[in-house]
């Protein structure tokens, strides 16, 4: 696609009202309208499997911004971080991660660390009438979180590290 064509499309394509100015701290709110519409469509049309996973999604970004993570020794050096609830390669729900404040719009449970509270919040998106089992990697594995998920009827399995 040529630069001119890209600029023509960009001129008329907006995922939020371009006249509304948001502060630098809450940049993700411009994407929330689109993300919420996608979330509604996911819940309406996507049939979840028995096993669902919660993991981090890394979105590559190569320009200047205060909102990306920069991690050495990773394939994606500069990225946005999103926590996602997925099944069969499709995203069912997501939470934005902000460098300045952690997980955006997090409903924090007192006895859980912020990451575990984020996992719990994503797990609550699962339909109540459908039995699902969560699969987590070692970053999210936490006994207190597992106990909370079992209280609401969600089975969970997680990996651990031998050296940790």
Protein backbone atom coordinates (compact mmCIF):
# COMPACT_ATOMS: atom_id res chain seq x y z
CA UNK A 1 0.00 0.00 0.00
CA UNK A 2 1.37 3.41 -0.87
CA UNK A 3 1.86 6.15 1.72
CA UNK A 4 -0.76 8.31 0.00
CA UNK A 5 -3.36 5.50 0.12
CA UNK A 6 -2.54 4.80 3.77
CA UNK A 7 -3.00 8.48 4.64
CA UNK A 8 -6.35 8.55 2.80
CA UNK A 9 -7.64 5.59 4.79
CA UNK A 10 -6.20 6.86 8.09
CA UNK A 11 -7.89 10.22 7.58
CA UNK A 12 -11.37 8.64 7.84
CA UNK A 13 -10.73 5.64 10.07
CA UNK A 14 -11.00 6.26 13.80
CA UNK A 15 -11.68 3.81 16.61
CA UNK A 16 -12.67 6.68 18.93
CA UNK A 17 -13.85 10.26 18.66
CA UNK A 18 -10.79 12.16 17.36
CA UNK A 19 -11.99 15.43 18.92
CA UNK A 20 -11.74 14.06 22.47
CA UNK A 21 -8.34 14.58 24.02
CA UNK A 22 -7.18 12.04 26.57
CA UNK A 23 -4.30 12.49 28.94
CA UNK A 24 -1.08 10.60 28.27
CA UNK A 25 -1.66 8.29 31.23
CA UNK A 26 -4.89 6.78 29.83
CA UNK A 27 -3.90 6.34 26.16
CA UNK A 28 -5.60 2.93 25.98
CA UNK A 29 -9.07 4.44 26.46
CA UNK A 30 -9.04 5.50 22.80
CA UNK A 31 -8.98 1.79 21.93
CA UNK A 32 -11.58 0.75 24.52
CA UNK A 33 -14.57 1.46 22.27
CA UNK A 34 -13.21 -0.94 19.65
CA UNK A 35 -12.02 -3.45 22.27
CA UNK A 36 -15.44 -3.46 23.98
CA UNK A 37 -17.23 -4.02 20.65
CA UNK A 38 -14.88 -6.89 19.89
CA UNK A 39 -15.44 -8.30 23.39
CA UNK A 40 -19.23 -8.31 22.85
CA UNK A 41 -18.81 -10.06 19.50
CA UNK A 42 -16.45 -12.64 20.98
CA UNK A 43 -18.94 -13.46 23.73
CA UNK A 44 -21.82 -13.63 21.27
CA UNK A 45 -20.32 -15.67 18.43
CA UNK A 46 -17.29 -17.58 19.66
CA UNK A 47 -17.79 -21.02 21.17
CA UNK A 48 -15.20 -21.64 23.85
CA UNK A 49 -13.54 -25.01 24.18
CA UNK A 50 -13.11 -26.91 27.44
CA UNK A 51 -9.59 -25.55 27.91
CA UNK A 52 -8.84 -21.84 27.83
CA UNK A 53 -5.56 -20.09 28.49
CA UNK A 54 -4.57 -16.78 30.00
CA UNK A 55 -1.26 -15.43 28.84
CA UNK A 56 0.56 -12.26 27.84
CA UNK A 57 0.30 -10.89 24.32
CA UNK A 58 3.15 -8.75 23.08
CA UNK A 59 2.35 -6.18 20.39
CA UNK A 60 5.43 -4.90 18.59
CA UNK A 61 5.87 -1.12 18.43
CA UNK A 62 8.87 0.70 17.01
CA UNK A 63 8.20 4.39 17.60
CA UNK A 64 8.70 6.69 20.57
CA UNK A 65 6.27 6.41 23.44
CA UNK A 66 6.30 6.16 27.21
CA UNK A 67 3.82 3.29 27.20
CA UNK A 68 5.79 0.39 25.80
CA UNK A 69 7.97 -2.09 27.64
CA UNK A 70 11.55 -2.48 26.56
CA UNK A 71 12.98 -5.90 27.31
CA UNK A 72 16.46 -7.04 26.35
CA UNK A 73 17.09 -10.59 25.17
CA UNK A 74 13.55 -10.99 23.78
CA UNK A 75 12.51 -11.34 20.15
CA UNK A 76 10.27 -8.27 20.42
CA UNK A 77 12.43 -5.55 21.98
CA UNK A 78 9.80 -2.81 22.36
CA UNK A 79 6.17 -3.74 22.86
CA UNK A 80 2.77 -3.12 24.35
CA UNK A 81 1.72 -5.79 26.83
CA UNK A 82 -1.81 -7.18 26.97
CA UNK A 83 -3.14 -9.95 29.20
CA UNK A 84 -5.49 -12.14 27.17
CA UNK A 85 -7.98 -14.95 27.71
CA UNK A 86 -7.74 -17.22 24.65
CA UNK A 87 -9.04 -20.48 23.27
CA UNK A 88 -8.07 -22.26 20.04
CA UNK A 89 -5.97 -19.28 18.96
CA UNK A 90 -8.78 -16.73 19.37
CA UNK A 91 -8.85 -13.95 21.94
CA UNK A 92 -11.97 -13.97 24.12
CA UNK A 93 -11.07 -11.16 26.55
CA UNK A 94 -8.22 -8.80 27.31
CA UNK A 95 -6.76 -6.36 29.82
CA UNK A 96 -4.30 -3.59 28.93
CA UNK A 97 -1.03 -3.37 30.80
CA UNK A 98 0.32 0.12 31.51
CA UNK A 99 3.99 0.66 32.27
CA UNK A 100 3.14 3.47 34.70
CA UNK A 101 0.43 1.76 36.76
CA UNK A 102 0.22 -1.93 35.90
CA UNK A 103 -2.98 -3.55 34.68
CA UNK A 104 -5.53 -0.96 33.54
CA UNK A 105 -9.02 -0.93 35.10
CA UNK A 106 -8.04 -3.70 37.48
CA UNK A 107 -10.55 -4.82 40.09
CA UNK A 108 -8.10 -5.74 42.82
CA UNK A 109 -8.82 -8.50 45.33
CA UNK A 110 -7.21 -7.72 48.70
CA UNK A 111 -5.45 -11.03 49.23
CA UNK A 112 -4.18 -11.47 45.64
CA UNK A 113 -1.25 -9.81 43.92
CA UNK A 114 -2.20 -7.54 40.96
CA UNK A 115 -1.31 -10.13 38.30
CA UNK A 116 -3.45 -12.78 40.00
CA UNK A 117 -6.32 -10.28 40.34
CA UNK A 118 -6.05 -9.67 36.59
CA UNK A 119 -6.26 -13.40 35.89
CA UNK A 120 -9.30 -13.65 38.18
CA UNK A 121 -10.93 -10.70 36.39
CA UNK A 122 -10.39 -12.33 32.99
CA UNK A 123 -11.64 -15.69 34.27
CA UNK A 124 -14.89 -14.02 35.38
CA UNK A 125 -15.56 -13.28 31.68
CA UNK A 126 -16.12 -17.00 31.11
CA UNK A 127 -19.79 -17.93 30.74
CA UNK A 128 -21.21 -19.43 33.94
CA UNK A 129 -23.21 -22.11 32.16
CA UNK A 130 -20.12 -23.42 30.33
CA UNK A 131 -17.58 -25.48 32.22
CA UNK A 132 -14.06 -24.39 31.33
CA UNK A 133 -10.65 -25.22 32.69
CA UNK A 134 -7.95 -22.56 32.74
CA UNK A 135 -4.38 -23.30 31.73
CA UNK A 136 -1.72 -20.89 33.00
CA UNK A 137 2.03 -20.62 32.66
CA UNK A 138 4.40 -20.18 35.61
CA UNK A 139 4.09 -16.37 35.52
CA UNK A 140 0.45 -16.64 36.65
CA UNK A 141 0.59 -19.79 38.78
CA UNK A 142 -0.38 -18.88 42.35
CA UNK A 143 -2.03 -21.07 45.02
CA UNK A 144 -4.20 -18.22 46.38
CA UNK A 145 -5.48 -17.55 42.86
CA UNK A 146 -6.24 -21.24 42.31
CA UNK A 147 -8.29 -21.33 45.53
CA UNK A 148 -10.32 -18.26 44.44
CA UNK A 149 -10.98 -19.75 41.00
CA UNK A 150 -12.14 -23.04 42.51
CA UNK A 151 -14.62 -21.11 44.70
CA UNK A 152 -16.37 -19.86 41.56
CA UNK A 153 -16.24 -23.27 39.86
CA UNK A 154 -13.32 -22.80 37.47
CA UNK A 155 -10.75 -25.58 37.31
CA UNK A 156 -7.17 -24.49 36.74
CA UNK A 157 -3.79 -26.01 35.88
CA UNK A 158 -0.48 -24.20 35.85
CA UNK A 159 3.16 -24.82 35.18
CA UNK A 160 5.95 -24.22 37.68
CA UNK A 161 9.71 -23.93 37.52
CA UNK A 162 11.96 -26.40 39.25
CA UNK A 163 14.57 -23.78 40.14
CA UNK A 164 12.14 -21.19 41.56
